[in-house]
Amino acid sequence: MAPWTLRTVLVCAVLAAAVGTVRCSTGCSCTQEKVAFTLTRSTDEGRITGYNDDLIVTYDHVITDVGGSFSGLKNPSVFTCKVPGVYMFSFTALAQKHHSAYIKLLKNGQFQTALWAGRVQGNHGSGSSTAVLHLRRGDRVWLAIGSPGYYALHSNENRFATFTGVLLYPD
């Protein structure tokens, strides 16, 4: 690679990191895509009698939505990838007093990882989990309560149930 080409690429990368998108004098287009979100839930969910299929967890509050993944949605639940790359997802849950919580992270309907929060002698138990996933444009990621006829999720105005995603490295 010619020194002037390498220098141009480096200048584009530094400028893109500082201001987002840059059109370089050589015609290259450098972008620094940003995606980050945190969703929370302020009510209980789950424990549906006779219901054994997964129950998608919905959220009622968006704390952060860099990149507009959840713009205009009243009860967001599913993250749809617009910017391909490597993402980190983190989630937390609190068990109800009388029912444990089993929360699964799914990518395009395929199990990735889970958390289990057990109830402890009539008290709430909590759990958390994190996963790093490589996503392509259009991939979907969400949380679900496994076997909601048996497991449940507790939350209240303290927003114990959270779902966070961050783009680490765009493709």
N, C-alpha and C. Protein backbone atom coordinates (compact mmCIF):
# COMPACT_ATOMS: atom_id res chain seq x y z
N MET A 1 0.85 -1.17 0.00
CA MET A 1 0.00 0.00 0.00
C MET A 1 0.90 1.23 0.00
N ALA A 2 0.57 2.17 -0.84
CA ALA A 2 1.36 3.39 -0.95
C ALA A 2 1.22 4.21 0.34
N PRO A 3 2.30 4.93 0.73
CA PRO A 3 2.25 5.71 1.98
C PRO A 3 1.11 6.74 1.99
N TRP A 4 0.84 7.39 0.83
CA TRP A 4 -0.23 8.39 0.82
C TRP A 4 -1.59 7.73 1.01
N THR A 5 -1.78 6.49 0.54
CA THR A 5 -3.04 5.76 0.71
C THR A 5 -3.24 5.38 2.17
N LEU A 6 -2.20 4.87 2.79
CA LEU A 6 -2.27 4.50 4.21
C LEU A 6 -2.56 5.73 5.05
N ARG A 7 -1.89 6.86 4.75
CA ARG A 7 -2.10 8.09 5.50
C ARG A 7 -3.56 8.55 5.34
N THR A 8 -4.11 8.47 4.14
CA THR A 8 -5.49 8.87 3.89
C THR A 8 -6.46 8.00 4.69
N VAL A 9 -6.23 6.71 4.69
CA VAL A 9 -7.08 5.80 5.45
C VAL A 9 -7.02 6.11 6.94
N LEU A 10 -5.83 6.36 7.47
CA LEU A 10 -5.68 6.68 8.89
C LEU A 10 -6.36 8.00 9.24
N VAL A 11 -6.21 9.02 8.38
CA VAL A 11 -6.86 10.30 8.63
C VAL A 11 -8.37 10.12 8.63
N CYS A 12 -8.89 9.35 7.68
CA CYS A 12 -10.34 9.09 7.62
C CYS A 12 -10.81 8.40 8.90
N ALA A 13 -10.06 7.42 9.36
CA ALA A 13 -10.45 6.68 10.57
C ALA A 13 -10.48 7.59 11.79
N VAL A 14 -9.47 8.44 11.95
CA VAL A 14 -9.41 9.35 13.10
C VAL A 14 -10.56 10.35 13.03
N LEU A 15 -10.80 10.92 11.87
CA LEU A 15 -11.89 11.89 11.73
C LEU A 15 -13.24 11.24 11.95
N ALA A 16 -13.42 10.04 11.43
CA ALA A 16 -14.70 9.35 11.59
C ALA A 16 -14.97 9.08 13.06
N ALA A 17 -13.94 8.70 13.81
CA ALA A 17 -14.12 8.45 15.24
C ALA A 17 -14.51 9.73 15.97
N ALA A 18 -14.01 10.86 15.50
CA ALA A 18 -14.29 12.12 16.17
C ALA A 18 -15.66 12.70 15.82
N VAL A 19 -16.09 12.58 14.55
CA VAL A 19 -17.31 13.26 14.14
C VAL A 19 -18.37 12.37 13.52
N GLY A 20 -18.15 11.10 13.35
CA GLY A 20 -19.17 10.21 12.82
C GLY A 20 -18.90 9.82 11.39
N THR A 21 -19.33 10.61 10.40
CA THR A 21 -19.13 10.27 9.00
C THR A 21 -18.30 11.36 8.33
N VAL A 22 -17.32 10.96 7.53
CA VAL A 22 -16.42 11.90 6.89
C VAL A 22 -16.29 11.53 5.43
N ARG A 23 -16.34 12.51 4.55
CA ARG A 23 -16.08 12.31 3.13
C ARG A 23 -14.68 12.85 2.89
N CYS A 24 -13.74 11.96 2.59
CA CYS A 24 -12.35 12.36 2.41
C CYS A 24 -12.11 12.97 1.04
N SER A 25 -11.03 13.72 0.90
CA SER A 25 -10.70 14.39 -0.36
C SER A 25 -10.44 13.39 -1.49
N THR A 26 -10.06 12.17 -1.16
CA THR A 26 -9.80 11.16 -2.18
C THR A 26 -11.07 10.45 -2.61
N GLY A 27 -12.21 10.80 -1.97
CA GLY A 27 -13.47 10.20 -2.36
C GLY A 27 -13.91 9.04 -1.48
N CYS A 28 -13.06 8.62 -0.54
CA CYS A 28 -13.47 7.51 0.33
C CYS A 28 -14.51 8.01 1.33
N SER A 29 -15.32 7.13 1.79
CA SER A 29 -16.34 7.46 2.79
C SER A 29 -16.07 6.63 4.02
N CYS A 30 -15.78 7.28 5.11
CA CYS A 30 -15.48 6.58 6.36
C CYS A 30 -16.64 6.81 7.32
N THR A 31 -17.12 5.77 7.95
CA THR A 31 -18.21 5.93 8.90
C THR A 31 -17.86 5.28 10.22
N GLN A 32 -18.37 5.85 11.26
CA GLN A 32 -18.24 5.28 12.59
C GLN A 32 -19.67 5.12 13.10
N GLU A 33 -20.25 3.95 12.87
CA GLU A 33 -21.63 3.68 13.28
C GLU A 33 -21.68 3.51 14.80
N LYS A 34 -22.77 3.99 15.38
CA LYS A 34 -22.94 3.88 16.82
C LYS A 34 -24.31 3.27 17.11
N VAL A 35 -24.33 2.22 17.91
CA VAL A 35 -25.57 1.58 18.34
C VAL A 35 -25.41 1.21 19.81
N ALA A 36 -26.35 1.64 20.62
CA ALA A 36 -26.36 1.27 22.04
C ALA A 36 -27.78 1.48 22.56
N PHE A 37 -28.24 0.54 23.37
CA PHE A 37 -29.58 0.70 23.94
C PHE A 37 -29.66 0.04 25.31
N THR A 38 -30.56 0.56 26.13
CA THR A 38 -30.95 -0.08 27.38
C THR A 38 -32.46 0.06 27.52
N LEU A 39 -33.12 -1.09 27.67
CA LEU A 39 -34.56 -1.16 27.87
C LEU A 39 -34.81 -1.66 29.30
N THR A 40 -35.89 -1.19 29.91
CA THR A 40 -36.24 -1.67 31.24
C THR A 40 -37.73 -2.00 31.30
N ARG A 41 -38.08 -2.80 32.28
CA ARG A 41 -39.47 -3.20 32.50
C ARG A 41 -39.83 -2.86 33.93
N SER A 42 -41.06 -2.35 34.13
CA SER A 42 -41.46 -1.93 35.47
C SER A 42 -42.65 -2.71 36.03
N THR A 43 -42.98 -3.86 35.39
CA THR A 43 -44.07 -4.70 35.89
C THR A 43 -43.68 -6.17 35.78
N ASP A 44 -44.44 -7.03 36.46
CA ASP A 44 -44.21 -8.48 36.39
C ASP A 44 -44.60 -9.01 35.02
N GLU A 45 -44.04 -10.18 34.67
CA GLU A 45 -44.45 -10.86 33.45
C GLU A 45 -44.19 -12.35 33.62
N GLY A 46 -45.04 -13.15 32.99
CA GLY A 46 -44.86 -14.59 33.04
C GLY A 46 -45.90 -15.25 33.92
N ARG A 47 -45.65 -16.51 34.22
CA ARG A 47 -46.54 -17.33 35.03
C ARG A 47 -47.93 -17.38 34.43
N ILE A 48 -47.99 -17.89 33.20
CA ILE A 48 -49.24 -18.05 32.48
C ILE A 48 -49.63 -19.52 32.54
N THR A 49 -50.71 -19.83 33.17
CA THR A 49 -51.13 -21.21 33.37
C THR A 49 -51.30 -21.93 32.03
N GLY A 50 -50.67 -23.10 31.91
CA GLY A 50 -50.82 -23.93 30.74
C GLY A 50 -50.06 -23.45 29.51
N TYR A 51 -49.20 -22.47 29.64
CA TYR A 51 -48.47 -21.90 28.51
C TYR A 51 -47.01 -22.34 28.61
N ASN A 52 -46.57 -23.21 27.71
CA ASN A 52 -45.21 -23.74 27.80
C ASN A 52 -44.25 -23.19 26.75
N ASP A 53 -44.77 -22.51 25.70
CA ASP A 53 -43.88 -21.88 24.72
C ASP A 53 -43.21 -20.66 25.35
N ASP A 54 -42.07 -20.29 24.79
CA ASP A 54 -41.37 -19.11 25.29
C ASP A 54 -42.27 -17.88 25.19
N LEU A 55 -42.14 -16.97 26.12
CA LEU A 55 -42.88 -15.72 26.13
C LEU A 55 -41.87 -14.58 25.95
N ILE A 56 -41.97 -13.85 24.84
CA ILE A 56 -41.05 -12.75 24.58
C ILE A 56 -41.24 -11.67 25.64
N VAL A 57 -40.15 -11.22 26.22
CA VAL A 57 -40.19 -10.17 27.23
C VAL A 57 -40.32 -8.82 26.52
N THR A 58 -41.30 -8.03 26.94
CA THR A 58 -41.45 -6.68 26.42
C THR A 58 -41.02 -5.68 27.49
N TYR A 59 -40.69 -4.49 27.05
CA TYR A 59 -40.18 -3.46 27.96
C TYR A 59 -41.05 -2.22 27.83
N ASP A 60 -41.14 -1.45 28.92
CA ASP A 60 -41.99 -0.27 28.90
C ASP A 60 -41.23 1.04 29.05
N HIS A 61 -39.90 0.96 29.08
CA HIS A 61 -39.11 2.19 29.20
C HIS A 61 -37.80 2.03 28.43
N VAL A 62 -37.48 3.03 27.63
CA VAL A 62 -36.22 3.06 26.90
C VAL A 62 -35.33 4.10 27.57
N ILE A 63 -34.24 3.66 28.18
CA ILE A 63 -33.31 4.59 28.83
C ILE A 63 -32.39 5.22 27.79
N THR A 64 -31.83 4.37 26.92
CA THR A 64 -30.89 4.83 25.90
C THR A 64 -31.25 4.16 24.58
N ASP A 65 -31.18 4.93 23.50
CA ASP A 65 -31.45 4.37 22.17
C ASP A 65 -30.59 5.09 21.13
N VAL A 66 -29.29 4.94 21.26
CA VAL A 66 -28.36 5.52 20.29
C VAL A 66 -28.48 4.71 19.00
N GLY A 67 -28.76 5.35 17.91
CA GLY A 67 -28.94 4.67 16.64
C GLY A 67 -30.39 4.47 16.26
N GLY A 68 -31.32 4.75 17.19
CA GLY A 68 -32.75 4.71 16.88
C GLY A 68 -33.34 3.34 16.63
N SER A 69 -32.82 2.31 17.26
CA SER A 69 -33.34 0.95 17.06
C SER A 69 -34.77 0.78 17.54
N PHE A 70 -35.20 1.59 18.51
CA PHE A 70 -36.53 1.42 19.09
C PHE A 70 -37.39 2.67 18.95
N SER A 71 -37.05 3.56 18.03
CA SER A 71 -37.80 4.79 17.82
C SER A 71 -39.26 4.48 17.49
N GLY A 72 -40.15 5.14 18.21
CA GLY A 72 -41.57 5.01 17.92
C GLY A 72 -42.25 3.75 18.43
N LEU A 73 -41.53 2.85 19.07
CA LEU A 73 -42.15 1.63 19.57
C LEU A 73 -42.67 1.84 20.98
N LYS A 74 -43.90 1.42 21.23
CA LYS A 74 -44.51 1.60 22.56
C LYS A 74 -43.97 0.59 23.56
N ASN A 75 -43.93 -0.68 23.20
CA ASN A 75 -43.42 -1.73 24.09
C ASN A 75 -42.35 -2.54 23.35
N PRO A 76 -41.14 -1.99 23.24
CA PRO A 76 -40.11 -2.67 22.47
C PRO A 76 -39.73 -4.02 23.09
N SER A 77 -39.34 -4.94 22.22
CA SER A 77 -38.93 -6.26 22.71
C SER A 77 -37.81 -6.85 21.87
N VAL A 78 -37.81 -6.64 20.56
CA VAL A 78 -36.86 -7.30 19.66
C VAL A 78 -35.92 -6.26 19.05
N PHE A 79 -34.61 -6.52 19.18
CA PHE A 79 -33.61 -5.68 18.53
C PHE A 79 -33.37 -6.24 17.13
N THR A 80 -33.49 -5.39 16.11
CA THR A 80 -33.21 -5.78 14.73
C THR A 80 -31.95 -5.05 14.29
N CYS A 81 -30.95 -5.80 13.86
CA CYS A 81 -29.65 -5.25 13.50
C CYS A 81 -29.72 -4.46 12.19
N LYS A 82 -29.33 -3.19 12.26
CA LYS A 82 -29.22 -2.34 11.08
C LYS A 82 -27.75 -2.18 10.68
N VAL A 83 -26.86 -2.29 11.66
CA VAL A 83 -25.42 -2.12 11.43
C VAL A 83 -24.73 -3.44 11.75
N PRO A 84 -24.26 -4.17 10.74
CA PRO A 84 -23.59 -5.45 10.99
C PRO A 84 -22.32 -5.26 11.81
N GLY A 85 -22.03 -6.25 12.66
CA GLY A 85 -20.81 -6.19 13.45
C GLY A 85 -20.90 -7.07 14.68
N VAL A 86 -20.00 -6.81 15.61
CA VAL A 86 -19.92 -7.56 16.86
C VAL A 86 -20.59 -6.74 17.96
N TYR A 87 -21.57 -7.34 18.61
CA TYR A 87 -22.36 -6.68 19.66
C TYR A 87 -22.18 -7.39 20.99
N MET A 88 -22.33 -6.63 22.07
CA MET A 88 -22.38 -7.21 23.40
C MET A 88 -23.79 -6.97 23.94
N PHE A 89 -24.41 -8.02 24.43
CA PHE A 89 -25.74 -7.95 25.03
C PHE A 89 -25.64 -8.36 26.49
N SER A 90 -26.35 -7.65 27.33
CA SER A 90 -26.38 -7.92 28.76
C SER A 90 -27.83 -7.85 29.21
N PHE A 91 -28.21 -8.71 30.15
CA PHE A 91 -29.57 -8.67 30.65
C PHE A 91 -29.63 -9.10 32.10
N THR A 92 -30.63 -8.55 32.81
CA THR A 92 -30.82 -8.85 34.22
C THR A 92 -32.27 -9.22 34.46
N ALA A 93 -32.50 -9.97 35.51
CA ALA A 93 -33.87 -10.34 35.88
C ALA A 93 -33.96 -10.58 37.37
N LEU A 94 -35.14 -10.41 37.88
CA LEU A 94 -35.45 -10.67 39.28
C LEU A 94 -36.59 -11.67 39.31
N ALA A 95 -36.45 -12.70 40.13
CA ALA A 95 -37.50 -13.71 40.27
C ALA A 95 -38.63 -13.17 41.13
N GLN A 96 -39.83 -13.68 40.89
CA GLN A 96 -40.94 -13.36 41.77
C GLN A 96 -40.74 -14.10 43.09
N LYS A 97 -41.47 -13.71 44.12
CA LYS A 97 -41.29 -14.33 45.43
C LYS A 97 -41.59 -15.82 45.43
N HIS A 98 -42.52 -16.25 44.57
CA HIS A 98 -42.93 -17.65 44.59
C HIS A 98 -42.60 -18.42 43.32
N HIS A 99 -41.91 -17.76 42.37
CA HIS A 99 -41.56 -18.41 41.11
C HIS A 99 -40.18 -17.93 40.65
N SER A 100 -39.33 -18.86 40.30
CA SER A 100 -38.00 -18.52 39.78
C SER A 100 -38.13 -17.90 38.40
N ALA A 101 -37.05 -17.28 37.94
CA ALA A 101 -37.02 -16.69 36.59
C ALA A 101 -36.00 -17.44 35.74
N TYR A 102 -36.41 -17.77 34.53
CA TYR A 102 -35.52 -18.40 33.55
C TYR A 102 -35.66 -17.58 32.27
N ILE A 103 -34.63 -16.78 31.97
CA ILE A 103 -34.67 -15.85 30.85
C ILE A 103 -33.62 -16.27 29.83
N LYS A 104 -34.05 -16.39 28.56
CA LYS A 104 -33.16 -16.85 27.48
C LYS A 104 -32.88 -15.71 26.51
N LEU A 105 -31.64 -15.65 26.03
CA LEU A 105 -31.26 -14.73 24.96
C LEU A 105 -31.31 -15.52 23.66
N LEU A 106 -32.09 -15.00 22.68
CA LEU A 106 -32.26 -15.68 21.41
C LEU A 106 -31.78 -14.79 20.26
N LYS A 107 -31.15 -15.40 19.28
CA LYS A 107 -30.74 -14.72 18.05
C LYS A 107 -31.43 -15.44 16.91
N ASN A 108 -32.31 -14.73 16.20
CA ASN A 108 -33.08 -15.33 15.12
C ASN A 108 -33.79 -16.61 15.56
N GLY A 109 -34.27 -16.62 16.80
CA GLY A 109 -34.99 -17.75 17.34
C GLY A 109 -34.13 -18.87 17.89
N GLN A 110 -32.81 -18.73 17.79
CA GLN A 110 -31.88 -19.76 18.26
C GLN A 110 -31.33 -19.38 19.64
N PHE A 111 -31.38 -20.32 20.57
CA PHE A 111 -30.88 -20.12 21.92
C PHE A 111 -29.39 -19.75 21.89
N GLN A 112 -29.00 -18.73 22.68
CA GLN A 112 -27.60 -18.32 22.80
C GLN A 112 -27.08 -18.55 24.22
N THR A 113 -27.77 -18.01 25.20
CA THR A 113 -27.41 -18.18 26.60
C THR A 113 -28.62 -17.85 27.46
N ALA A 114 -28.51 -18.04 28.76
CA ALA A 114 -29.66 -17.80 29.63
C ALA A 114 -29.20 -17.37 31.02
N LEU A 115 -30.17 -16.93 31.79
CA LEU A 115 -29.93 -16.71 33.21
C LEU A 115 -31.04 -17.41 33.97
N TRP A 116 -30.73 -17.79 35.17
CA TRP A 116 -31.71 -18.38 36.06
C TRP A 116 -31.60 -17.64 37.37
N ALA A 117 -32.71 -17.12 37.85
CA ALA A 117 -32.76 -16.42 39.13
C ALA A 117 -33.74 -17.18 40.01
N GLY A 118 -33.23 -17.81 41.03
CA GLY A 118 -34.07 -18.62 41.90
C GLY A 118 -34.68 -17.82 43.03
N ARG A 119 -35.89 -18.21 43.39
CA ARG A 119 -36.49 -17.60 44.58
C ARG A 119 -35.85 -18.25 45.80
N VAL A 120 -35.68 -17.47 46.83
CA VAL A 120 -35.01 -17.96 48.03
C VAL A 120 -35.93 -17.75 49.22
N GLN A 121 -36.52 -18.84 49.71
CA GLN A 121 -37.40 -18.82 50.88
C GLN A 121 -38.38 -17.65 50.84
N GLY A 122 -39.14 -17.53 49.76
CA GLY A 122 -40.15 -16.49 49.65
C GLY A 122 -39.61 -15.11 49.31
N ASN A 123 -38.34 -15.00 49.00
CA ASN A 123 -37.75 -13.72 48.62
C ASN A 123 -37.36 -13.75 47.15
N HIS A 124 -37.08 -12.60 46.61
CA HIS A 124 -36.68 -12.48 45.21
C HIS A 124 -35.21 -12.86 45.04
N GLY A 125 -34.91 -13.61 43.99
CA GLY A 125 -33.53 -13.88 43.61
C GLY A 125 -33.25 -13.14 42.31
N SER A 126 -31.99 -12.83 42.05
CA SER A 126 -31.67 -12.09 40.83
C SER A 126 -30.59 -12.81 40.04
N GLY A 127 -30.51 -12.46 38.77
CA GLY A 127 -29.50 -13.04 37.91
C GLY A 127 -29.17 -12.09 36.77
N SER A 128 -28.03 -12.34 36.13
CA SER A 128 -27.63 -11.55 34.97
C SER A 128 -26.79 -12.43 34.05
N SER A 129 -26.69 -12.00 32.79
CA SER A 129 -25.89 -12.72 31.82
C SER A 129 -25.43 -11.75 30.74
N THR A 130 -24.35 -12.11 30.07
CA THR A 130 -23.78 -11.29 29.00
C THR A 130 -23.31 -12.21 27.89
N ALA A 131 -23.48 -11.76 26.65
CA ALA A 131 -22.98 -12.52 25.50
C ALA A 131 -22.49 -11.55 24.44
N VAL A 132 -21.47 -11.96 23.71
CA VAL A 132 -20.96 -11.21 22.56
C VAL A 132 -21.35 -12.00 21.32
N LEU A 133 -22.07 -11.34 20.41
CA LEU A 133 -22.59 -12.01 19.21
C LEU A 133 -22.19 -11.25 17.96
N HIS A 134 -21.90 -11.98 16.90
CA HIS A 134 -21.67 -11.36 15.59
C HIS A 134 -23.00 -11.34 14.85
N LEU A 135 -23.44 -10.15 14.44
CA LEU A 135 -24.73 -9.99 13.78
C LEU A 135 -24.57 -9.49 12.34
N ARG A 136 -25.46 -9.97 11.49
CA ARG A 136 -25.57 -9.46 10.13
C ARG A 136 -26.81 -8.57 10.06
N ARG A 137 -26.87 -7.71 9.07
CA ARG A 137 -28.03 -6.84 8.88
C ARG A 137 -29.30 -7.71 8.84
N GLY A 138 -30.30 -7.31 9.63
CA GLY A 138 -31.56 -8.04 9.67
C GLY A 138 -31.64 -9.10 10.76
N ASP A 139 -30.51 -9.48 11.37
CA ASP A 139 -30.57 -10.42 12.49
C ASP A 139 -31.39 -9.81 13.61
N ARG A 140 -32.11 -10.66 14.34
CA ARG A 140 -32.97 -10.21 15.43
C ARG A 140 -32.54 -10.87 16.74
N VAL A 141 -32.52 -10.08 17.81
CA VAL A 141 -32.10 -10.57 19.14
C VAL A 141 -33.17 -10.14 20.14
N TRP A 142 -33.57 -11.08 21.01
CA TRP A 142 -34.56 -10.76 22.03
C TRP A 142 -34.41 -11.69 23.23
N LEU A 143 -35.15 -11.36 24.28
CA LEU A 143 -35.19 -12.17 25.49
C LEU A 143 -36.56 -12.83 25.59
N ALA A 144 -36.58 -14.01 26.16
CA ALA A 144 -37.84 -14.73 26.36
C ALA A 144 -37.81 -15.44 27.70
N ILE A 145 -38.99 -15.52 28.31
CA ILE A 145 -39.14 -16.32 29.52
C ILE A 145 -39.35 -17.75 29.06
N GLY A 146 -38.48 -18.64 29.48
CA GLY A 146 -38.62 -20.05 29.14
C GLY A 146 -39.70 -20.68 30.01
N SER A 147 -40.56 -21.47 29.41
CA SER A 147 -41.66 -22.15 30.13
C SER A 147 -42.39 -21.21 31.08
N PRO A 148 -43.07 -20.17 30.53
CA PRO A 148 -43.73 -19.19 31.41
C PRO A 148 -44.86 -19.77 32.26
N GLY A 149 -45.27 -21.01 31.99
CA GLY A 149 -46.23 -21.65 32.87
C GLY A 149 -45.61 -22.02 34.21
N TYR A 150 -44.27 -22.02 34.24
CA TYR A 150 -43.55 -22.39 35.46
C TYR A 150 -42.68 -21.24 35.99
N TYR A 151 -42.04 -20.51 35.08
CA TYR A 151 -41.14 -19.42 35.47
C TYR A 151 -41.80 -18.07 35.27
N ALA A 152 -41.32 -17.05 35.98
CA ALA A 152 -41.88 -15.71 35.88
C ALA A 152 -40.78 -14.67 36.11
N LEU A 153 -41.08 -13.46 35.74
CA LEU A 153 -40.15 -12.33 35.86
C LEU A 153 -40.80 -11.28 36.75
N HIS A 154 -40.05 -10.77 37.72
CA HIS A 154 -40.58 -9.73 38.59
C HIS A 154 -39.88 -8.41 38.29
N SER A 155 -40.67 -7.35 38.30
CA SER A 155 -40.11 -6.00 38.25
C SER A 155 -41.16 -5.05 38.78
N ASN A 156 -40.73 -3.85 39.06
CA ASN A 156 -41.65 -2.80 39.53
C ASN A 156 -41.04 -1.45 39.14
N GLU A 157 -41.47 -0.40 39.81
CA GLU A 157 -40.96 0.93 39.46
C GLU A 157 -39.44 1.06 39.57
N ASN A 158 -38.79 0.11 40.21
CA ASN A 158 -37.32 0.12 40.32
C ASN A 158 -36.65 -0.48 39.08
N ARG A 159 -37.42 -1.00 38.16
CA ARG A 159 -36.94 -1.50 36.86
C ARG A 159 -35.83 -2.54 37.00
N PHE A 160 -36.14 -3.63 37.67
CA PHE A 160 -35.16 -4.70 37.89
C PHE A 160 -34.85 -5.50 36.63
N ALA A 161 -35.74 -5.50 35.66
CA ALA A 161 -35.54 -6.25 34.42
C ALA A 161 -34.97 -5.30 33.37
N THR A 162 -33.76 -5.64 32.86
CA THR A 162 -33.10 -4.79 31.87
C THR A 162 -32.59 -5.61 30.69
N PHE A 163 -32.43 -4.95 29.55
CA PHE A 163 -31.88 -5.55 28.35
C PHE A 163 -31.03 -4.46 27.68
N THR A 164 -29.74 -4.73 27.53
CA THR A 164 -28.79 -3.75 26.99
C THR A 164 -28.03 -4.36 25.82
N GLY A 165 -27.81 -3.56 24.79
CA GLY A 165 -27.00 -3.99 23.66
C GLY A 165 -26.09 -2.85 23.21
N VAL A 166 -24.87 -3.19 22.81
CA VAL A 166 -23.88 -2.20 22.37
C VAL A 166 -23.12 -2.76 21.19
N LEU A 167 -22.99 -1.97 20.13
CA LEU A 167 -22.15 -2.34 19.00
C LEU A 167 -20.70 -2.11 19.40
N LEU A 168 -19.91 -3.18 19.43
CA LEU A 168 -18.50 -3.06 19.78
C LEU A 168 -17.65 -2.72 18.56
N TYR A 169 -17.85 -3.47 17.47
CA TYR A 169 -17.05 -3.31 16.25
C TYR A 169 -17.93 -3.49 15.04
N PRO A 170 -18.15 -2.41 14.25
CA PRO A 170 -18.91 -2.61 13.01
C PRO A 170 -18.10 -3.39 12.00
N ASP A 171 -18.79 -4.12 11.10
CA ASP A 171 -18.10 -4.85 10.02
C ASP A 171 -17.65 -3.87 8.95
